Each structure stands twice: as C-alpha cells, then as structure tokens.
Amino acid sequence: MKASEVVNLNPAELEERLIELKEDLFYLRMQHATNQLDNPILISQVRKDIARVKTVIRMKQLERAGG
C-alpha cells in the first residue's frame, strides 16, 4: 500500500484499514510461529503499512485540531 493511497482515505476508512492490517499481522505471526509462512518479509511490509496508516490518522487529527 502506497502512502498516496492512504492519504486519500477518510478517517473511518483509515480506522477500518488499521483493524484489517492488525488482523493480518496477527495471522502472519501465527503462521511464522508454526513454520507455515512462505515469505517472512510480509510481516515487515504489514508493519510498515500499519505505521503509514497511523501516521496519516495522526496527521488528520492534527489538521482538524489546528484548522
């Protein structure tokens, strides 16, 4: 997921996407623990996506508070 895609989402969609990403991370960690995960790089990609979404959520909160 690119940052430009995340910025265009509204706050409700961002919260929904964050929940989905956290669930994905949980299942990836479970697969990794049971040696069923083929590509462990997916874990770091999902973590970065979570960070992107959280950053955009915070940016939008600051915009609302300041503007």
PDB file of N, CA and C in Angstrom:
ATOM      1  N   MET A   1       0.841  -1.168   0.000  1.00  0.00           N
ATOM      2  CA  MET A   1       0.000   0.000   0.000  1.00  0.00           C
ATOM      3  C   MET A   1       0.893   1.240   0.000  1.00  0.00           C
ATOM      4  N   LYS A   2       0.599   2.136  -0.892  1.00  0.00           N
ATOM      5  CA  LYS A   2       1.390   3.352  -1.014  1.00  0.00           C
ATOM      6  C   LYS A   2       0.820   4.441  -0.114  1.00  0.00           C
ATOM      7  N   ALA A   3       1.690   5.367   0.266  1.00  0.00           N
ATOM      8  CA  ALA A   3       1.264   6.463   1.129  1.00  0.00           C
ATOM      9  C   ALA A   3       0.212   7.324   0.447  1.00  0.00           C
ATOM     10  N   SER A   4       0.321   7.497  -0.854  1.00  0.00           N
ATOM     11  CA  SER A   4      -0.657   8.317  -1.567  1.00  0.00           C
ATOM     12  C   SER A   4      -2.052   7.690  -1.515  1.00  0.00           C
ATOM     13  N   GLU A   5      -2.127   6.374  -1.470  1.00  0.00           N
ATOM     14  CA  GLU A   5      -3.415   5.696  -1.359  1.00  0.00           C
ATOM     15  C   GLU A   5      -4.014   5.906   0.030  1.00  0.00           C
ATOM     16  N   VAL A   6      -3.162   5.913   1.040  1.00  0.00           N
ATOM     17  CA  VAL A   6      -3.629   6.050   2.416  1.00  0.00           C
ATOM     18  C   VAL A   6      -4.142   7.459   2.677  1.00  0.00           C
ATOM     19  N   VAL A   7      -3.475   8.462   2.137  1.00  0.00           N
ATOM     20  CA  VAL A   7      -3.851   9.856   2.384  1.00  0.00           C
ATOM     21  C   VAL A   7      -5.244  10.156   1.843  1.00  0.00           C
ATOM     22  N   ASN A   8      -5.654   9.490   0.787  1.00  0.00           N
ATOM     23  CA  ASN A   8      -6.947   9.760   0.159  1.00  0.00           C
ATOM     24  C   ASN A   8      -8.126   9.129   0.891  1.00  0.00           C
ATOM     25  N   LEU A   9      -7.873   8.302   1.907  1.00  0.00           N
ATOM     26  CA  LEU A   9      -8.957   7.656   2.644  1.00  0.00           C
ATOM     27  C   LEU A   9      -9.507   8.596   3.710  1.00  0.00           C
ATOM     28  N   ASN A  10     -10.798   8.425   4.033  1.00  0.00           N
ATOM     29  CA  ASN A  10     -11.380   9.241   5.104  1.00  0.00           C
ATOM     30  C   ASN A  10     -11.085   8.565   6.449  1.00  0.00           C
ATOM     31  N   PRO A  11     -11.300   9.268   7.571  1.00  0.00           N
ATOM     32  CA  PRO A  11     -10.938   8.709   8.881  1.00  0.00           C
ATOM     33  C   PRO A  11     -11.588   7.367   9.204  1.00  0.00           C
ATOM     34  N   ALA A  12     -12.829   7.168   8.815  1.00  0.00           N
ATOM     35  CA  ALA A  12     -13.498   5.891   9.092  1.00  0.00           C
ATOM     36  C   ALA A  12     -12.832   4.756   8.315  1.00  0.00           C
ATOM     37  N   GLU A  13     -12.499   5.013   7.060  1.00  0.00           N
ATOM     38  CA  GLU A  13     -11.821   4.000   6.248  1.00  0.00           C
ATOM     39  C   GLU A  13     -10.427   3.710   6.792  1.00  0.00           C
ATOM     40  N   LEU A  14      -9.763   4.733   7.318  1.00  0.00           N
ATOM     41  CA  LEU A  14      -8.434   4.536   7.896  1.00  0.00           C
ATOM     42  C   LEU A  14      -8.499   3.627   9.122  1.00  0.00           C
ATOM     43  N   GLU A  15      -9.487   3.870   9.983  1.00  0.00           N
ATOM     44  CA  GLU A  15      -9.639   3.031  11.174  1.00  0.00           C
ATOM     45  C   GLU A  15      -9.948   1.581  10.783  1.00  0.00           C
ATOM     46  N   GLU A  16     -10.800   1.421   9.777  1.00  0.00           N
ATOM     47  CA  GLU A  16     -11.149   0.078   9.301  1.00  0.00           C
ATOM     48  C   GLU A  16      -9.918  -0.626   8.722  1.00  0.00           C
ATOM     49  N   ARG A  17      -9.146   0.111   7.956  1.00  0.00           N
ATOM     50  CA  ARG A  17      -7.929  -0.451   7.344  1.00  0.00           C
ATOM     51  C   ARG A  17      -6.913  -0.831   8.416  1.00  0.00           C
ATOM     52  N   LEU A  18      -6.820  -0.025   9.475  1.00  0.00           N
ATOM     53  CA  LEU A  18      -5.894  -0.313  10.565  1.00  0.00           C
ATOM     54  C   LEU A  18      -6.270  -1.620  11.263  1.00  0.00           C
ATOM     55  N   ILE A  19      -7.555  -1.823  11.487  1.00  0.00           N
ATOM     56  CA  ILE A  19      -8.016  -3.064  12.112  1.00  0.00           C
ATOM     57  C   ILE A  19      -7.687  -4.260  11.226  1.00  0.00           C
ATOM     58  N   GLU A  20      -7.923  -4.125   9.927  1.00  0.00           N
ATOM     59  CA  GLU A  20      -7.622  -5.214   8.985  1.00  0.00           C
ATOM     60  C   GLU A  20      -6.131  -5.547   8.989  1.00  0.00           C
ATOM     61  N   LEU A  21      -5.294  -4.516   8.991  1.00  0.00           N
ATOM     62  CA  LEU A  21      -3.852  -4.743   8.972  1.00  0.00           C
ATOM     63  C   LEU A  21      -3.372  -5.414  10.256  1.00  0.00           C
ATOM     64  N   LYS A  22      -3.950  -5.027  11.384  1.00  0.00           N
ATOM     65  CA  LYS A  22      -3.557  -5.665  12.643  1.00  0.00           C
ATOM     66  C   LYS A  22      -3.951  -7.132  12.665  1.00  0.00           C
ATOM     67  N   GLU A  23      -5.115  -7.448  12.094  1.00  0.00           N
ATOM     68  CA  GLU A  23      -5.526  -8.854  11.997  1.00  0.00           C
ATOM     69  C   GLU A  23      -4.588  -9.621  11.080  1.00  0.00           C
ATOM     70  N   ASP A  24      -4.234  -9.007   9.953  1.00  0.00           N
ATOM     71  CA  ASP A  24      -3.298  -9.649   9.031  1.00  0.00           C
ATOM     72  C   ASP A  24      -1.966  -9.936   9.718  1.00  0.00           C
ATOM     73  N   LEU A  25      -1.472  -8.968  10.483  1.00  0.00           N
ATOM     74  CA  LEU A  25      -0.207  -9.142  11.183  1.00  0.00           C
ATOM     75  C   LEU A  25      -0.300 -10.283  12.185  1.00  0.00           C
ATOM     76  N   PHE A  26      -1.414 -10.364  12.886  1.00  0.00           N
ATOM     77  CA  PHE A  26      -1.609 -11.445  13.850  1.00  0.00           C
ATOM     78  C   PHE A  26      -1.517 -12.810  13.165  1.00  0.00           C
ATOM     79  N   TYR A  27      -2.245 -12.956  12.050  1.00  0.00           N
ATOM     80  CA  TYR A  27      -2.249 -14.238  11.352  1.00  0.00           C
ATOM     81  C   TYR A  27      -0.881 -14.548  10.727  1.00  0.00           C
ATOM     82  N   LEU A  28      -0.189 -13.532  10.252  1.00  0.00           N
ATOM     83  CA  LEU A  28       1.153 -13.761   9.713  1.00  0.00           C
ATOM     84  C   LEU A  28       2.103 -14.225  10.806  1.00  0.00           C
ATOM     85  N   ARG A  29       1.995 -13.639  11.992  1.00  0.00           N
ATOM     86  CA  ARG A  29       2.847 -14.059  13.106  1.00  0.00           C
ATOM     87  C   ARG A  29       2.540 -15.489  13.526  1.00  0.00           C
ATOM     88  N   MET A  30       1.262 -15.846  13.497  1.00  0.00           N
ATOM     89  CA  MET A  30       0.881 -17.223  13.835  1.00  0.00           C
ATOM     90  C   MET A  30       1.454 -18.205  12.818  1.00  0.00           C
ATOM     91  N   GLN A  31       1.363 -17.842  11.540  1.00  0.00           N
ATOM     92  CA  GLN A  31       1.919 -18.711  10.506  1.00  0.00           C
ATOM     93  C   GLN A  31       3.429 -18.822  10.645  1.00  0.00           C
ATOM     94  N   HIS A  32       4.072 -17.728  10.990  1.00  0.00           N
ATOM     95  CA  HIS A  32       5.526 -17.737  11.149  1.00  0.00           C
ATOM     96  C   HIS A  32       5.935 -18.619  12.332  1.00  0.00           C
ATOM     97  N   ALA A  33       5.160 -18.565  13.407  1.00  0.00           N
ATOM     98  CA  ALA A  33       5.474 -19.359  14.594  1.00  0.00           C
ATOM     99  C   ALA A  33       5.310 -20.847  14.327  1.00  0.00           C
ATOM    100  N   THR A  34       4.398 -21.204  13.438  1.00  0.00           N
ATOM    101  CA  THR A  34       4.169 -22.621  13.142  1.00  0.00           C
ATOM    102  C   THR A  34       4.887 -23.064  11.870  1.00  0.00           C
ATOM    103  N   ASN A  35       5.794 -22.231  11.391  1.00  0.00           N
ATOM    104  CA  ASN A  35       6.599 -22.521  10.192  1.00  0.00           C
ATOM    105  C   ASN A  35       5.760 -22.760   8.945  1.00  0.00           C
ATOM    106  N   GLN A  36       4.641 -22.067   8.823  1.00  0.00           N
ATOM    107  CA  GLN A  36       3.799 -22.184   7.638  1.00  0.00           C
ATOM    108  C   GLN A  36       3.908 -20.966   6.728  1.00  0.00           C
ATOM    109  N   LEU A  37       4.673 -19.961   7.152  1.00  0.00           N
ATOM    110  CA  LEU A  37       4.785 -18.737   6.384  1.00  0.00           C
ATOM    111  C   LEU A  37       5.878 -18.886   5.334  1.00  0.00           C
ATOM    112  N   ASP A  38       5.505 -18.711   4.062  1.00  0.00           N
ATOM    113  CA  ASP A  38       6.460 -18.867   2.976  1.00  0.00           C
ATOM    114  C   ASP A  38       7.379 -17.661   2.843  1.00  0.00           C
ATOM    115  N   ASN A  39       6.834 -16.461   3.063  1.00  0.00           N
ATOM    116  CA  ASN A  39       7.599 -15.238   2.847  1.00  0.00           C
ATOM    117  C   ASN A  39       7.554 -14.379   4.118  1.00  0.00           C
ATOM    118  N   PRO A  40       8.576 -14.475   4.993  1.00  0.00           N
ATOM    119  CA  PRO A  40       8.557 -13.710   6.239  1.00  0.00           C
ATOM    120  C   PRO A  40       8.681 -12.202   6.042  1.00  0.00           C
ATOM    121  N   ILE A  41       9.026 -11.769   4.852  1.00  0.00           N
ATOM    122  CA  ILE A  41       9.116 -10.333   4.570  1.00  0.00           C
ATOM    123  C   ILE A  41       7.737  -9.687   4.638  1.00  0.00           C
ATOM    124  N   LEU A  42       6.686 -10.478   4.458  1.00  0.00           N
ATOM    125  CA  LEU A  42       5.326  -9.950   4.539  1.00  0.00           C
ATOM    126  C   LEU A  42       5.050  -9.321   5.900  1.00  0.00           C
ATOM    127  N   ILE A  43       5.664  -9.859   6.958  1.00  0.00           N
ATOM    128  CA  ILE A  43       5.449  -9.317   8.296  1.00  0.00           C
ATOM    129  C   ILE A  43       5.936  -7.876   8.355  1.00  0.00           C
ATOM    130  N   SER A  44       7.125  -7.621   7.849  1.00  0.00           N
ATOM    131  CA  SER A  44       7.649  -6.253   7.904  1.00  0.00           C
ATOM    132  C   SER A  44       6.863  -5.316   6.994  1.00  0.00           C
ATOM    133  N   GLN A  45       6.370  -5.818   5.871  1.00  0.00           N
ATOM    134  CA  GLN A  45       5.564  -4.981   4.985  1.00  0.00           C
ATOM    135  C   GLN A  45       4.261  -4.563   5.649  1.00  0.00           C
ATOM    136  N   VAL A  46       3.623  -5.487   6.347  1.00  0.00           N
ATOM    137  CA  VAL A  46       2.371  -5.175   7.031  1.00  0.00           C
ATOM    138  C   VAL A  46       2.637  -4.202   8.176  1.00  0.00           C
ATOM    139  N   ARG A  47       3.750  -4.377   8.891  1.00  0.00           N
ATOM    140  CA  ARG A  47       4.090  -3.448   9.971  1.00  0.00           C
ATOM    141  C   ARG A  47       4.300  -2.034   9.428  1.00  0.00           C
ATOM    142  N   LYS A  48       4.925  -1.919   8.273  1.00  0.00           N
ATOM    143  CA  LYS A  48       5.130  -0.606   7.664  1.00  0.00           C
ATOM    144  C   LYS A  48       3.806   0.002   7.209  1.00  0.00           C
ATOM    145  N   ASP A  49       2.909  -0.837   6.705  1.00  0.00           N
ATOM    146  CA  ASP A  49       1.582  -0.345   6.312  1.00  0.00           C
ATOM    147  C   ASP A  49       0.821   0.178   7.531  1.00  0.00           C
ATOM    148  N   ILE A  50       0.942  -0.536   8.654  1.00  0.00           N
ATOM    149  CA  ILE A  50       0.296  -0.084   9.886  1.00  0.00           C
ATOM    150  C   ILE A  50       0.850   1.273  10.293  1.00  0.00           C
ATOM    151  N   ALA A  51       2.164   1.426  10.200  1.00  0.00           N
ATOM    152  CA  ALA A  51       2.783   2.706  10.555  1.00  0.00           C
ATOM    153  C   ALA A  51       2.310   3.822   9.632  1.00  0.00           C
ATOM    154  N   ARG A  52       2.171   3.537   8.349  1.00  0.00           N
ATOM    155  CA  ARG A  52       1.674   4.541   7.399  1.00  0.00           C
ATOM    156  C   ARG A  52       0.265   4.996   7.762  1.00  0.00           C
ATOM    157  N   VAL A  53      -0.587   4.029   8.048  1.00  0.00           N
ATOM    158  CA  VAL A  53      -1.977   4.349   8.378  1.00  0.00           C
ATOM    159  C   VAL A  53      -2.037   5.161   9.667  1.00  0.00           C
ATOM    160  N   LYS A  54      -1.264   4.760  10.681  1.00  0.00           N
ATOM    161  CA  LYS A  54      -1.268   5.501  11.941  1.00  0.00           C
ATOM    162  C   LYS A  54      -0.745   6.917  11.754  1.00  0.00           C
ATOM    163  N   THR A  55       0.257   7.087  10.907  1.00  0.00           N
ATOM    164  CA  THR A  55       0.802   8.409  10.640  1.00  0.00           C
ATOM    165  C   THR A  55      -0.235   9.304   9.986  1.00  0.00           C
ATOM    166  N   VAL A  56      -0.950   8.781   9.019  1.00  0.00           N
ATOM    167  CA  VAL A  56      -1.966   9.581   8.327  1.00  0.00           C
ATOM    168  C   VAL A  56      -3.114   9.906   9.274  1.00  0.00           C
ATOM    169  N   ILE A  57      -3.503   8.960  10.128  1.00  0.00           N
ATOM    170  CA  ILE A  57      -4.555   9.229  11.111  1.00  0.00           C
ATOM    171  C   ILE A  57      -4.132  10.382  12.008  1.00  0.00           C
ATOM    172  N   ARG A  58      -2.902  10.361  12.466  1.00  0.00           N
ATOM    173  CA  ARG A  58      -2.413  11.425  13.340  1.00  0.00           C
ATOM    174  C   ARG A  58      -2.337  12.761  12.601  1.00  0.00           C
ATOM    175  N   MET A  59      -1.901  12.741  11.362  1.00  0.00           N
ATOM    176  CA  MET A  59      -1.846  13.973  10.569  1.00  0.00           C
ATOM    177  C   MET A  59      -3.233  14.587  10.438  1.00  0.00           C
ATOM    178  N   LYS A  60      -4.223  13.762  10.173  1.00  0.00           N
ATOM    179  CA  LYS A  60      -5.591  14.262  10.002  1.00  0.00           C
ATOM    180  C   LYS A  60      -6.159  14.774  11.314  1.00  0.00           C
ATOM    181  N   GLN A  61      -5.780  14.146  12.439  1.00  0.00           N
ATOM    182  CA  GLN A  61      -6.218  14.637  13.748  1.00  0.00           C
ATOM    183  C   GLN A  61      -5.634  16.021  14.008  1.00  0.00           C
ATOM    184  N   LEU A  62      -4.376  16.207  13.687  1.00  0.00           N
ATOM    185  CA  LEU A  62      -3.723  17.489  13.906  1.00  0.00           C
ATOM    186  C   LEU A  62      -4.306  18.573  13.002  1.00  0.00           C
ATOM    187  N   GLU A  63      -4.658  18.200  11.766  1.00  0.00           N
ATOM    188  CA  GLU A  63      -5.270  19.154  10.848  1.00  0.00           C
ATOM    189  C   GLU A  63      -6.617  19.623  11.394  1.00  0.00           C
ATOM    190  N   ARG A  64      -7.405  18.678  11.899  1.00  0.00           N
ATOM    191  CA  ARG A  64      -8.719  19.012  12.449  1.00  0.00           C
ATOM    192  C   ARG A  64      -8.587  19.915  13.676  1.00  0.00           C
ATOM    193  N   ALA A  65      -7.619  19.616  14.527  1.00  0.00           N
ATOM    194  CA  ALA A  65      -7.432  20.400  15.751  1.00  0.00           C
ATOM    195  C   ALA A  65      -6.895  21.792  15.448  1.00  0.00           C
ATOM    196  N   GLY A  66      -6.039  21.887  14.442  1.00  0.00           N
ATOM    197  CA  GLY A  66      -5.436  23.161  14.125  1.00  0.00           C
ATOM    198  C   GLY A  66      -6.261  24.020  13.199  1.00  0.00           C
ATOM    199  N   GLY A  67      -7.140  23.415  12.436  1.00  0.00           N
ATOM    200  CA  GLY A  67      -7.858  24.175  11.420  1.00  0.00           C
ATOM    201  C   GLY A  67      -9.257  24.303  11.690  1.00  0.00           C
TER     202      GLY A  67
END
